[in-house]
Amino acid sequence: MKKIVVFGGGTGLSCLLEGLKQFPVDVTTVITVSDNGSSTGVLKKELDIPAVGDVGKVLISMANVDEDFTRLLRYRFSKDGSLHNHPVRNIMLAALIDLKGNLTEATRYMCTLLNVRGTVLPLTEEKVELVGETRGRAKNIYGQVAVSQNIRKITRLSYDHDVHVSQEVVSHIRESDLIVFSPGSLFTSILPHLIVPEVVEAIGESAAPILYVCNLVTQPGETDGYTVGDHLRVLDEYLSRRRVDAVLVNNAPLREDVLDVYHSTEEKSAVTLDREAVDALGAAVIEDAVAVIEDGHIRHDALRTAFLIFSYLMKHP
């Protein structure tokens, strides 16, 4: 069975995995653990643990259990009190870190509980903070939330200390048949993987092609006005000696009424394909109608996107 390693975090990664689990591939998902917002940030600070939020979202997207169980894991306490805004999945992962000793083993147990097909690995066991290095004498920016809001001031991303990954993560990268960067926050969900030297080195040693599933819309503060080529240039910079081999983009027009709402309420716009720039970067373009509207939100069509990834994999033995 072909092996895919997917890097990412957040909603974009979860959507991608919902589709990939329908295909005969061995998927390993490596997830960032530097989030410091919302419930995740509170648990991270109070319990001195890595961020568990994105891990929980991925586990649900890959779960093969009844709907009542997934609804329970998604349930977020709404009443005022110490549990306010905490989803059950985060509480369970935090408890399992205590019981199992670390986030990797906690995640492994949850995979068994949820009948997950494939492997889910946190990027590191360590509690880490994302750091935005700034120009001149300006103070560095600490924390994922603050970094996301100040990308224009930042020259380079790093962590607050040297970060190490497990040999298991490195082995999966080296043995993969395809490496995928998921859609999601470019600077705070994707690049946090590529500021760890061990990860970049393992990708450099892998013979697997690299595929990027490009975002459908820009993200305020992070990728305002970015084209497909802009996303690729940033990824290539952090990949060092490797380059993105192919990029999957949407070629269907997005509904104007939905885009108008996105622009007026969130200052988001559609990511456009600048084909000449992409060609100059050496990336093959895979384009199709992969965008759907769900409850007023623009999302990747999980099944169609996964099919295109699977097709690319089969063409590159």
C-alpha atoms as a PDB file:
ATOM      1  CA  MET A   1       0.000   0.000   0.000  1.00  0.00           C
ATOM      2  CA  LYS A   2       1.271   3.466  -0.935  1.00  0.00           C
ATOM      3  CA  LYS A   3       2.321   5.712   1.935  1.00  0.00           C
ATOM      4  CA  ILE A   4       1.341   9.374   2.262  1.00  0.00           C
ATOM      5  CA  VAL A   5       2.629  11.782   4.904  1.00  0.00           C
ATOM      6  CA  VAL A   6       0.404  14.822   5.420  1.00  0.00           C
ATOM      7  CA  PHE A   7       1.572  17.937   7.268  1.00  0.00           C
ATOM      8  CA  GLY A   8      -0.826  20.526   8.622  1.00  0.00           C
ATOM      9  CA  GLY A   9      -3.181  21.650  11.332  1.00  0.00           C
ATOM     10  CA  GLY A  10      -6.638  23.127  11.732  1.00  0.00           C
ATOM     11  CA  THR A  11      -9.822  22.765   9.681  1.00  0.00           C
ATOM     12  CA  GLY A  12      -8.109  22.459   6.283  1.00  0.00           C
ATOM     13  CA  LEU A  13      -6.191  19.379   7.367  1.00  0.00           C
ATOM     14  CA  SER A  14      -9.285  17.752   8.883  1.00  0.00           C
ATOM     15  CA  CYS A  15     -11.251  18.240   5.662  1.00  0.00           C
ATOM     16  CA  LEU A  16      -8.461  16.696   3.605  1.00  0.00           C
ATOM     17  CA  LEU A  17      -8.233  13.634   5.832  1.00  0.00           C
ATOM     18  CA  GLU A  18     -11.980  13.010   5.718  1.00  0.00           C
ATOM     19  CA  GLY A  19     -11.541  12.354   2.011  1.00  0.00           C
ATOM     20  CA  LEU A  20      -8.249  10.446   2.114  1.00  0.00           C
ATOM     21  CA  LYS A  21      -9.577   7.864   4.558  1.00  0.00           C
ATOM     22  CA  GLN A  22     -11.890   6.651   1.766  1.00  0.00           C
ATOM     23  CA  PHE A  23      -8.926   5.533  -0.406  1.00  0.00           C
ATOM     24  CA  PRO A  24      -6.561   2.534  -0.172  1.00  0.00           C
ATOM     25  CA  VAL A  25      -3.536   4.450   1.106  1.00  0.00           C
ATOM     26  CA  ASP A  26      -1.504   4.374   4.315  1.00  0.00           C
ATOM     27  CA  VAL A  27      -1.810   7.907   5.707  1.00  0.00           C
ATOM     28  CA  THR A  28       0.450   9.344   8.383  1.00  0.00           C
ATOM     29  CA  THR A  29      -0.590  12.753   9.644  1.00  0.00           C
ATOM     30  CA  VAL A  30       1.941  15.001  11.396  1.00  0.00           C
ATOM     31  CA  ILE A  31       0.270  17.796  13.352  1.00  0.00           C
ATOM     32  CA  THR A  32       1.538  21.101  14.724  1.00  0.00           C
ATOM     33  CA  VAL A  33       1.337  21.592  18.487  1.00  0.00           C
ATOM     34  CA  SER A  34       2.153  25.293  18.852  1.00  0.00           C
ATOM     35  CA  ASP A  35      -1.378  26.723  19.006  1.00  0.00           C
ATOM     36  CA  ASN A  36      -1.998  28.989  21.997  1.00  0.00           C
ATOM     37  CA  GLY A  37      -5.555  30.202  21.440  1.00  0.00           C
ATOM     38  CA  SER A  38      -8.975  29.296  22.822  1.00  0.00           C
ATOM     39  CA  SER A  39      -9.376  26.065  24.811  1.00  0.00           C
ATOM     40  CA  THR A  40      -6.046  24.711  23.589  1.00  0.00           C
ATOM     41  CA  GLY A  41      -4.156  27.714  24.918  1.00  0.00           C
ATOM     42  CA  VAL A  42      -5.803  27.496  28.329  1.00  0.00           C
ATOM     43  CA  LEU A  43      -5.001  23.788  28.753  1.00  0.00           C
ATOM     44  CA  LYS A  44      -1.489  24.307  27.438  1.00  0.00           C
ATOM     45  CA  LYS A  45      -0.807  27.004  30.025  1.00  0.00           C
ATOM     46  CA  GLU A  46      -2.603  25.494  33.011  1.00  0.00           C
ATOM     47  CA  LEU A  47      -1.433  21.891  32.549  1.00  0.00           C
ATOM     48  CA  ASP A  48       1.979  22.579  30.941  1.00  0.00           C
ATOM     49  CA  ILE A  49       1.259  20.318  27.956  1.00  0.00           C
ATOM     50  CA  PRO A  50       1.627  20.609  24.165  1.00  0.00           C
ATOM     51  CA  ALA A  51      -1.312  22.071  22.247  1.00  0.00           C
ATOM     52  CA  VAL A  52      -3.944  19.346  21.772  1.00  0.00           C
ATOM     53  CA  GLY A  53      -6.598  21.169  19.726  1.00  0.00           C
ATOM     54  CA  ASP A  54      -5.476  20.289  16.197  1.00  0.00           C
ATOM     55  CA  VAL A  55      -4.730  16.706  17.216  1.00  0.00           C
ATOM     56  CA  GLY A  56      -8.305  16.355  18.458  1.00  0.00           C
ATOM     57  CA  LYS A  57      -9.774  17.766  15.244  1.00  0.00           C
ATOM     58  CA  VAL A  58      -7.739  15.359  13.125  1.00  0.00           C
ATOM     59  CA  LEU A  59      -8.750  12.360  15.229  1.00  0.00           C
ATOM     60  CA  ILE A  60     -12.414  13.171  14.683  1.00  0.00           C
ATOM     61  CA  SER A  61     -11.948  13.588  10.928  1.00  0.00           C
ATOM     62  CA  MET A  62     -10.285  10.167  10.683  1.00  0.00           C
ATOM     63  CA  ALA A  63     -12.595   8.394  13.113  1.00  0.00           C
ATOM     64  CA  ASN A  64     -14.660   5.401  12.043  1.00  0.00           C
ATOM     65  CA  VAL A  65     -17.235   5.307  14.841  1.00  0.00           C
ATOM     66  CA  ASP A  66     -20.916   6.144  15.193  1.00  0.00           C
ATOM     67  CA  GLU A  67     -22.120   9.734  14.912  1.00  0.00           C
ATOM     68  CA  ASP A  68     -23.119   9.969  18.582  1.00  0.00           C
ATOM     69  CA  PHE A  69     -19.517   9.341  19.628  1.00  0.00           C
ATOM     70  CA  THR A  70     -18.120  12.008  17.304  1.00  0.00           C
ATOM     71  CA  ARG A  71     -20.817  14.440  18.471  1.00  0.00           C
ATOM     72  CA  LEU A  72     -19.694  13.789  22.046  1.00  0.00           C
ATOM     73  CA  LEU A  73     -16.069  14.539  21.181  1.00  0.00           C
ATOM     74  CA  ARG A  74     -17.077  17.732  19.360  1.00  0.00           C
ATOM     75  CA  TYR A  75     -19.258  18.899  22.261  1.00  0.00           C
ATOM     76  CA  ARG A  76     -18.031  22.185  23.699  1.00  0.00           C
ATOM     77  CA  PHE A  77     -19.174  23.263  27.180  1.00  0.00           C
ATOM     78  CA  SER A  78     -21.145  26.485  26.879  1.00  0.00           C
ATOM     79  CA  LYS A  79     -22.122  27.236  30.479  1.00  0.00           C
ATOM     80  CA  ASP A  80     -19.988  29.581  32.547  1.00  0.00           C
ATOM     81  CA  GLY A  81     -17.446  27.857  34.756  1.00  0.00           C
ATOM     82  CA  SER A  82     -14.031  26.203  34.608  1.00  0.00           C
ATOM     83  CA  LEU A  83     -15.050  24.022  31.647  1.00  0.00           C
ATOM     84  CA  HIS A  84     -16.430  26.908  29.565  1.00  0.00           C
ATOM     85  CA  ASN A  85     -15.430  26.642  25.884  1.00  0.00           C
ATOM     86  CA  HIS A  86     -13.530  23.368  26.335  1.00  0.00           C
ATOM     87  CA  PRO A  87     -14.474  20.590  23.865  1.00  0.00           C
ATOM     88  CA  VAL A  88     -14.632  17.075  25.260  1.00  0.00           C
ATOM     89  CA  ARG A  89     -11.873  15.867  22.908  1.00  0.00           C
ATOM     90  CA  ASN A  90      -9.395  18.337  24.416  1.00  0.00           C
ATOM     91  CA  ILE A  91     -10.259  17.265  27.970  1.00  0.00           C
ATOM     92  CA  MET A  92      -9.811  13.594  27.009  1.00  0.00           C
ATOM     93  CA  LEU A  93      -6.431  14.196  25.370  1.00  0.00           C
ATOM     94  CA  ALA A  94      -5.217  16.221  28.344  1.00  0.00           C
ATOM     95  CA  ALA A  95      -6.228  13.402  30.702  1.00  0.00           C
ATOM     96  CA  LEU A  96      -4.596  10.772  28.491  1.00  0.00           C
ATOM     97  CA  ILE A  97      -1.309  12.681  28.466  1.00  0.00           C
ATOM     98  CA  ASP A  98      -1.252  12.173  32.251  1.00  0.00           C
ATOM     99  CA  LEU A  99      -2.292   8.517  31.985  1.00  0.00           C
ATOM    100  CA  LYS A 100      -0.098   7.521  29.043  1.00  0.00           C
ATOM    101  CA  GLY A 101       2.883   9.755  29.708  1.00  0.00           C
ATOM    102  CA  ASN A 102       3.009  11.833  26.510  1.00  0.00           C
ATOM    103  CA  LEU A 103       0.914  13.179  23.646  1.00  0.00           C
ATOM    104  CA  THR A 104       2.058  10.556  21.128  1.00  0.00           C
ATOM    105  CA  GLU A 105       0.857   7.676  23.294  1.00  0.00           C
ATOM    106  CA  ALA A 106      -2.326   9.577  24.184  1.00  0.00           C
ATOM    107  CA  THR A 107      -3.002  10.041  20.480  1.00  0.00           C
ATOM    108  CA  ARG A 108      -2.224   6.400  19.745  1.00  0.00           C
ATOM    109  CA  TYR A 109      -4.779   5.282  22.334  1.00  0.00           C
ATOM    110  CA  MET A 110      -7.397   7.648  20.889  1.00  0.00           C
ATOM    111  CA  CYS A 111      -6.723   6.184  17.437  1.00  0.00           C
ATOM    112  CA  THR A 112      -7.557   2.733  18.786  1.00  0.00           C
ATOM    113  CA  LEU A 113     -10.649   4.033  20.551  1.00  0.00           C
ATOM    114  CA  LEU A 114     -11.882   5.776  17.394  1.00  0.00           C
ATOM    115  CA  ASN A 115     -10.923   2.980  14.993  1.00  0.00           C
ATOM    116  CA  VAL A 116      -8.669   5.330  13.037  1.00  0.00           C
ATOM    117  CA  ARG A 117      -7.077   3.799   9.948  1.00  0.00           C
ATOM    118  CA  GLY A 118      -3.631   5.286   9.570  1.00  0.00           C
ATOM    119  CA  THR A 119      -1.176   6.993  11.906  1.00  0.00           C
ATOM    120  CA  VAL A 120      -1.551  10.320  13.718  1.00  0.00           C
ATOM    121  CA  LEU A 121       1.580  11.880  15.212  1.00  0.00           C
ATOM    122  CA  PRO A 122       2.125  15.206  16.963  1.00  0.00           C
ATOM    123  CA  LEU A 123       5.120  17.075  15.555  1.00  0.00           C
ATOM    124  CA  THR A 124       6.819  17.017  18.967  1.00  0.00           C
ATOM    125  CA  GLU A 125       6.177  16.017  22.562  1.00  0.00           C
ATOM    126  CA  GLU A 126       7.398  19.373  23.805  1.00  0.00           C
ATOM    127  CA  LYS A 127       5.400  22.407  24.852  1.00  0.00           C
ATOM    128  CA  VAL A 128       6.494  24.978  22.281  1.00  0.00           C
ATOM    129  CA  GLU A 129       5.729  28.557  21.358  1.00  0.00           C
ATOM    130  CA  LEU A 130       5.951  29.943  17.845  1.00  0.00           C
ATOM    131  CA  VAL A 131       8.239  32.983  17.517  1.00  0.00           C
ATOM    132  CA  GLY A 132       8.192  35.603  14.789  1.00  0.00           C
ATOM    133  CA  GLU A 133      11.675  37.043  14.333  1.00  0.00           C
ATOM    134  CA  THR A 134      11.514  40.734  13.414  1.00  0.00           C
ATOM    135  CA  ARG A 135      13.716  43.270  11.650  1.00  0.00           C
ATOM    136  CA  GLY A 136      16.288  45.479  13.344  1.00  0.00           C
ATOM    137  CA  ARG A 137      15.708  46.237  16.995  1.00  0.00           C
ATOM    138  CA  ALA A 138      12.030  45.378  17.023  1.00  0.00           C
ATOM    139  CA  LYS A 139      11.041  42.840  19.662  1.00  0.00           C
ATOM    140  CA  ASN A 140      10.334  39.308  18.517  1.00  0.00           C
ATOM    141  CA  ILE A 141       6.675  38.251  18.508  1.00  0.00           C
ATOM    142  CA  TYR A 142       5.712  35.294  20.697  1.00  0.00           C
ATOM    143  CA  GLY A 143       2.780  32.894  20.373  1.00  0.00           C
ATOM    144  CA  GLN A 144       0.853  31.550  17.392  1.00  0.00           C
ATOM    145  CA  VAL A 145      -2.042  33.999  17.731  1.00  0.00           C
ATOM    146  CA  ALA A 146       0.248  37.050  17.845  1.00  0.00           C
ATOM    147  CA  VAL A 147       2.411  35.716  15.007  1.00  0.00           C
ATOM    148  CA  SER A 148      -0.654  35.230  12.815  1.00  0.00           C
ATOM    149  CA  GLN A 149      -1.626  38.862  13.330  1.00  0.00           C
ATOM    150  CA  ASN A 150       1.822  40.327  12.607  1.00  0.00           C
ATOM    151  CA  ILE A 151       3.243  38.432   9.625  1.00  0.00           C
ATOM    152  CA  ARG A 152       4.248  41.621   7.783  1.00  0.00           C
ATOM    153  CA  LYS A 153       6.642  42.514  10.613  1.00  0.00           C
ATOM    154  CA  ILE A 154       8.260  39.069  10.631  1.00  0.00           C
ATOM    155  CA  THR A 155      11.332  38.026   8.671  1.00  0.00           C
ATOM    156  CA  ARG A 156      11.547  34.420   9.837  1.00  0.00           C
ATOM    157  CA  LEU A 157       9.707  31.923  12.017  1.00  0.00           C
ATOM    158  CA  SER A 158      11.293  29.891  14.793  1.00  0.00           C
ATOM    159  CA  TYR A 159      10.421  28.293  18.146  1.00  0.00           C
ATOM    160  CA  ASP A 160      11.200  29.534  21.630  1.00  0.00           C
ATOM    161  CA  HIS A 161      13.694  26.676  22.021  1.00  0.00           C
ATOM    162  CA  ASP A 162      15.265  23.895  19.958  1.00  0.00           C
ATOM    163  CA  VAL A 163      12.565  21.391  19.037  1.00  0.00           C
ATOM    164  CA  HIS A 164      13.115  17.686  18.463  1.00  0.00           C
ATOM    165  CA  VAL A 165      10.845  15.178  16.762  1.00  0.00           C
ATOM    166  CA  SER A 166      10.601  11.446  17.306  1.00  0.00           C
ATOM    167  CA  GLN A 167      12.399   8.904  15.146  1.00  0.00           C
ATOM    168  CA  GLU A 168       8.935   7.643  14.224  1.00  0.00           C
ATOM    169  CA  VAL A 169       8.097  10.961  12.516  1.00  0.00           C
ATOM    170  CA  VAL A 170      11.441  10.977  10.681  1.00  0.00           C
ATOM    171  CA  SER A 171      11.035   7.365   9.528  1.00  0.00           C
ATOM    172  CA  HIS A 172       7.553   7.948   8.145  1.00  0.00           C
ATOM    173  CA  ILE A 173       8.812  10.945   6.145  1.00  0.00           C
ATOM    174  CA  ARG A 174      11.767   9.046   4.697  1.00  0.00           C
ATOM    175  CA  GLU A 175       9.643   6.024   3.760  1.00  0.00           C
ATOM    176  CA  SER A 176       6.755   7.973   2.214  1.00  0.00           C
ATOM    177  CA  ASP A 177       5.638   7.763  -1.412  1.00  0.00           C
ATOM    178  CA  LEU A 178       4.066  11.227  -1.320  1.00  0.00           C
ATOM    179  CA  ILE A 179       4.436  14.243   0.967  1.00  0.00           C
ATOM    180  CA  VAL A 180       1.398  16.526   1.194  1.00  0.00           C
ATOM    181  CA  PHE A 181       1.073  19.994   2.687  1.00  0.00           C
ATOM    182  CA  SER A 182      -2.575  20.529   3.543  1.00  0.00           C
ATOM    183  CA  PRO A 183      -4.617  23.696   3.112  1.00  0.00           C
ATOM    184  CA  GLY A 184      -4.706  25.869   6.212  1.00  0.00           C
ATOM    185  CA  SER A 185      -2.869  28.763   7.789  1.00  0.00           C
ATOM    186  CA  LEU A 186       0.360  28.955   5.809  1.00  0.00           C
ATOM    187  CA  PHE A 187       2.504  30.593   8.492  1.00  0.00           C
ATOM    188  CA  THR A 188       0.978  29.056  11.620  1.00  0.00           C
ATOM    189  CA  SER A 189      -0.172  25.574  10.547  1.00  0.00           C
ATOM    190  CA  ILE A 190       2.164  24.546   7.702  1.00  0.00           C
ATOM    191  CA  LEU A 191       5.489  26.354   8.221  1.00  0.00           C
ATOM    192  CA  PRO A 192       5.787  25.308  11.907  1.00  0.00           C
ATOM    193  CA  HIS A 193       6.770  21.889  10.533  1.00  0.00           C
ATOM    194  CA  LEU A 194       9.467  23.367   8.322  1.00  0.00           C
ATOM    195  CA  ILE A 195      11.305  25.278  11.044  1.00  0.00           C
ATOM    196  CA  VAL A 196      12.393  21.998  12.622  1.00  0.00           C
ATOM    197  CA  PRO A 197      15.740  20.985  11.051  1.00  0.00           C
ATOM    198  CA  GLU A 198      15.075  17.242  11.494  1.00  0.00           C
ATOM    199  CA  VAL A 199      11.875  17.498   9.458  1.00  0.00           C
ATOM    200  CA  VAL A 200      13.456  19.519   6.642  1.00  0.00           C
ATOM    201  CA  GLU A 201      16.405  17.110   6.557  1.00  0.00           C
ATOM    202  CA  ALA A 202      14.111  14.069   6.370  1.00  0.00           C
ATOM    203  CA  ILE A 203      12.081  15.642   3.556  1.00  0.00           C
ATOM    204  CA  GLY A 204      15.353  16.376   1.741  1.00  0.00           C
ATOM    205  CA  GLU A 205      16.367  12.728   2.033  1.00  0.00           C
ATOM    206  CA  SER A 206      12.980  11.423   0.852  1.00  0.00           C
ATOM    207  CA  ALA A 207      12.454  10.520  -2.800  1.00  0.00           C
ATOM    208  CA  ALA A 208       8.736  11.256  -2.488  1.00  0.00           C
ATOM    209  CA  PRO A 209       7.284  14.125  -4.550  1.00  0.00           C
ATOM    210  CA  ILE A 210       5.834  17.061  -2.620  1.00  0.00           C
ATOM    211  CA  LEU A 211       2.247  18.150  -3.273  1.00  0.00           C
ATOM    212  CA  TYR A 212       0.674  21.318  -1.863  1.00  0.00           C
ATOM    213  CA  VAL A 213      -3.114  21.625  -1.661  1.00  0.00           C
ATOM    214  CA  CYS A 214      -3.443  25.383  -2.028  1.00  0.00           C
ATOM    215  CA  ASN A 215      -5.805  27.463   0.077  1.00  0.00           C
ATOM    216  CA  LEU A 216      -9.026  28.612  -1.582  1.00  0.00           C
ATOM    217  CA  VAL A 217      -9.064  32.038   0.066  1.00  0.00           C
ATOM    218  CA  THR A 218      -6.512  34.338   1.653  1.00  0.00           C
ATOM    219  CA  GLN A 219      -6.109  34.715   5.409  1.00  0.00           C
ATOM    220  CA  PRO A 220      -6.169  38.225   6.893  1.00  0.00           C
ATOM    221  CA  GLY A 221      -2.877  39.120   8.509  1.00  0.00           C
ATOM    222  CA  GLU A 222      -1.093  36.088   7.082  1.00  0.00           C
ATOM    223  CA  THR A 223      -1.604  35.904   3.321  1.00  0.00           C
ATOM    224  CA  ASP A 224      -3.411  39.096   2.268  1.00  0.00           C
ATOM    225  CA  GLY A 225      -3.324  39.325  -1.532  1.00  0.00           C
ATOM    226  CA  TYR A 226      -1.359  36.092  -1.927  1.00  0.00           C
ATOM    227  CA  THR A 227      -1.567  34.176  -5.206  1.00  0.00           C
ATOM    228  CA  VAL A 228      -0.845  30.465  -5.664  1.00  0.00           C
ATOM    229  CA  GLY A 229       2.708  31.388  -6.632  1.00  0.00           C
ATOM    230  CA  ASP A 230       3.158  33.443  -3.464  1.00  0.00           C
ATOM    231  CA  HIS A 231       2.215  30.447  -1.325  1.00  0.00           C
ATOM    232  CA  LEU A 232       4.687  28.252  -3.220  1.00  0.00           C
ATOM    233  CA  ARG A 233       7.543  30.747  -2.910  1.00  0.00           C
ATOM    234  CA  VAL A 234       7.183  30.783   0.878  1.00  0.00           C
ATOM    235  CA  LEU A 235       7.082  26.978   1.087  1.00  0.00           C
ATOM    236  CA  ASP A 236      10.111  26.605  -1.185  1.00  0.00           C
ATOM    237  CA  GLU A 237      12.079  29.062   0.944  1.00  0.00           C
ATOM    238  CA  TYR A 238      11.539  27.000   4.094  1.00  0.00           C
ATOM    239  CA  LEU A 239      12.013  23.657   2.327  1.00  0.00           C
ATOM    240  CA  SER A 240      15.640  24.579   1.667  1.00  0.00           C
ATOM    241  CA  ARG A 241      17.033  22.147  -0.937  1.00  0.00           C
ATOM    242  CA  ARG A 242      13.659  20.684  -1.960  1.00  0.00           C
ATOM    243  CA  ARG A 243      10.855  22.367  -3.883  1.00  0.00           C
ATOM    244  CA  VAL A 244       7.114  21.764  -4.160  1.00  0.00           C
ATOM    245  CA  ASP A 245       6.644  19.437  -7.145  1.00  0.00           C
ATOM    246  CA  ALA A 246       2.923  19.961  -7.719  1.00  0.00           C
ATOM    247  CA  VAL A 247       0.144  22.219  -6.492  1.00  0.00           C
ATOM    248  CA  LEU A 248      -3.553  21.385  -6.428  1.00  0.00           C
ATOM    249  CA  VAL A 249      -5.759  24.408  -7.118  1.00  0.00           C
ATOM    250  CA  ASN A 250      -9.429  25.153  -7.574  1.00  0.00           C
ATOM    251  CA  ASN A 251     -10.415  26.282 -11.093  1.00  0.00           C
ATOM    252  CA  ALA A 252     -14.144  26.752 -10.539  1.00  0.00           C
ATOM    253  CA  PRO A 253     -15.502  30.264  -9.954  1.00  0.00           C
ATOM    254  CA  LEU A 254     -16.614  30.867  -6.380  1.00  0.00           C
ATOM    255  CA  ARG A 255     -20.067  32.283  -5.730  1.00  0.00           C
ATOM    256  CA  GLU A 256     -19.943  36.067  -5.757  1.00  0.00           C
ATOM    257  CA  ASP A 257     -22.443  36.455  -2.908  1.00  0.00           C
ATOM    258  CA  VAL A 258     -20.328  34.255  -0.631  1.00  0.00           C
ATOM    259  CA  LEU A 259     -17.120  36.039  -1.641  1.00  0.00           C
ATOM    260  CA  ASP A 260     -18.767  39.389  -0.922  1.00  0.00           C
ATOM    261  CA  VAL A 261     -19.574  38.236   2.609  1.00  0.00           C
ATOM    262  CA  TYR A 262     -16.040  36.899   3.072  1.00  0.00           C
ATOM    263  CA  HIS A 263     -14.571  40.194   1.928  1.00  0.00           C
ATOM    264  CA  SER A 264     -16.863  42.467   3.922  1.00  0.00           C
ATOM    265  CA  THR A 265     -16.785  40.528   7.193  1.00  0.00           C
ATOM    266  CA  GLU A 266     -13.320  38.903   7.202  1.00  0.00           C
ATOM    267  CA  GLU A 267     -11.360  40.740   4.484  1.00  0.00           C
ATOM    268  CA  LYS A 268     -10.737  37.453   2.664  1.00  0.00           C
ATOM    269  CA  SER A 269     -10.522  37.031  -1.110  1.00  0.00           C
ATOM    270  CA  ALA A 270     -10.122  34.124  -3.522  1.00  0.00           C
ATOM    271  CA  VAL A 271      -6.578  32.884  -4.133  1.00  0.00           C
ATOM    272  CA  THR A 272      -5.836  33.325  -7.842  1.00  0.00           C
ATOM    273  CA  LEU A 273      -3.665  31.107 -10.022  1.00  0.00           C
ATOM    274  CA  ASP A 274      -0.723  33.025 -11.502  1.00  0.00           C
ATOM    275  CA  ARG A 275       0.257  30.247 -13.875  1.00  0.00           C
ATOM    276  CA  GLU A 276       3.450  31.813 -15.247  1.00  0.00           C
ATOM    277  CA  ALA A 277       4.823  32.343 -11.756  1.00  0.00           C
ATOM    278  CA  VAL A 278       3.971  28.772 -10.770  1.00  0.00           C
ATOM    279  CA  ASP A 279       5.587  27.415 -13.944  1.00  0.00           C
ATOM    280  CA  ALA A 280       8.715  29.440 -13.191  1.00  0.00           C
ATOM    281  CA  LEU A 281       8.888  27.779  -9.771  1.00  0.00           C
ATOM    282  CA  GLY A 282       8.817  24.365 -11.433  1.00  0.00           C
ATOM    283  CA  ALA A 283       5.579  23.122  -9.886  1.00  0.00           C
ATOM    284  CA  ALA A 284       3.063  21.140 -11.917  1.00  0.00           C
ATOM    285  CA  VAL A 285      -0.501  22.437 -11.683  1.00  0.00           C
ATOM    286  CA  ILE A 286      -3.362  20.073 -10.856  1.00  0.00           C
ATOM    287  CA  GLU A 287      -6.590  21.998 -11.275  1.00  0.00           C
ATOM    288  CA  ASP A 288     -10.215  21.030 -10.851  1.00  0.00           C
ATOM    289  CA  ALA A 289     -13.461  22.197  -9.292  1.00  0.00           C
ATOM    290  CA  VAL A 290     -12.535  21.332  -5.697  1.00  0.00           C
ATOM    291  CA  ALA A 291     -14.395  24.100  -3.851  1.00  0.00           C
ATOM    292  CA  VAL A 292     -17.801  23.663  -2.233  1.00  0.00           C
ATOM    293  CA  ILE A 293     -20.021  25.914  -0.117  1.00  0.00           C
ATOM    294  CA  GLU A 294     -21.072  24.439   3.227  1.00  0.00           C
ATOM    295  CA  ASP A 295     -23.286  26.534   5.499  1.00  0.00           C
ATOM    296  CA  GLY A 296     -21.994  29.680   3.839  1.00  0.00           C
ATOM    297  CA  HIS A 297     -18.342  28.633   4.198  1.00  0.00           C
ATOM    298  CA  ILE A 298     -15.959  27.918   1.333  1.00  0.00           C
ATOM    299  CA  ARG A 299     -14.376  24.495   1.798  1.00  0.00           C
ATOM    300  CA  HIS A 300     -12.450  21.935  -0.192  1.00  0.00           C
ATOM    301  CA  ASP A 301     -14.582  19.101  -1.520  1.00  0.00           C
ATOM    302  CA  ALA A 302     -13.036  16.394   0.660  1.00  0.00           C
ATOM    303  CA  LEU A 303     -13.712  13.438  -1.631  1.00  0.00           C
ATOM    304  CA  ARG A 304     -12.803  15.202  -4.895  1.00  0.00           C
ATOM    305  CA  THR A 305      -9.604  16.615  -3.422  1.00  0.00           C
ATOM    306  CA  ALA A 306      -8.590  13.223  -2.038  1.00  0.00           C
ATOM    307  CA  PHE A 307      -9.298  11.586  -5.418  1.00  0.00           C
ATOM    308  CA  LEU A 308      -6.956  14.037  -7.158  1.00  0.00           C
ATOM    309  CA  ILE A 309      -4.233  13.405  -4.576  1.00  0.00           C
ATOM    310  CA  PHE A 310      -4.673   9.637  -4.994  1.00  0.00           C
ATOM    311  CA  SER A 311      -4.530   9.960  -8.790  1.00  0.00           C
ATOM    312  CA  TYR A 312      -1.304  11.988  -8.594  1.00  0.00           C
ATOM    313  CA  LEU A 313       0.188   9.377  -6.263  1.00  0.00           C
ATOM    314  CA  MET A 314      -0.667   6.531  -8.639  1.00  0.00           C
ATOM    315  CA  LYS A 315       1.001   8.362 -11.538  1.00  0.00           C
ATOM    316  CA  HIS A 316       4.249   8.784  -9.595  1.00  0.00           C
ATOM    317  CA  PRO A 317       5.402   5.331  -8.515  1.00  0.00           C
END
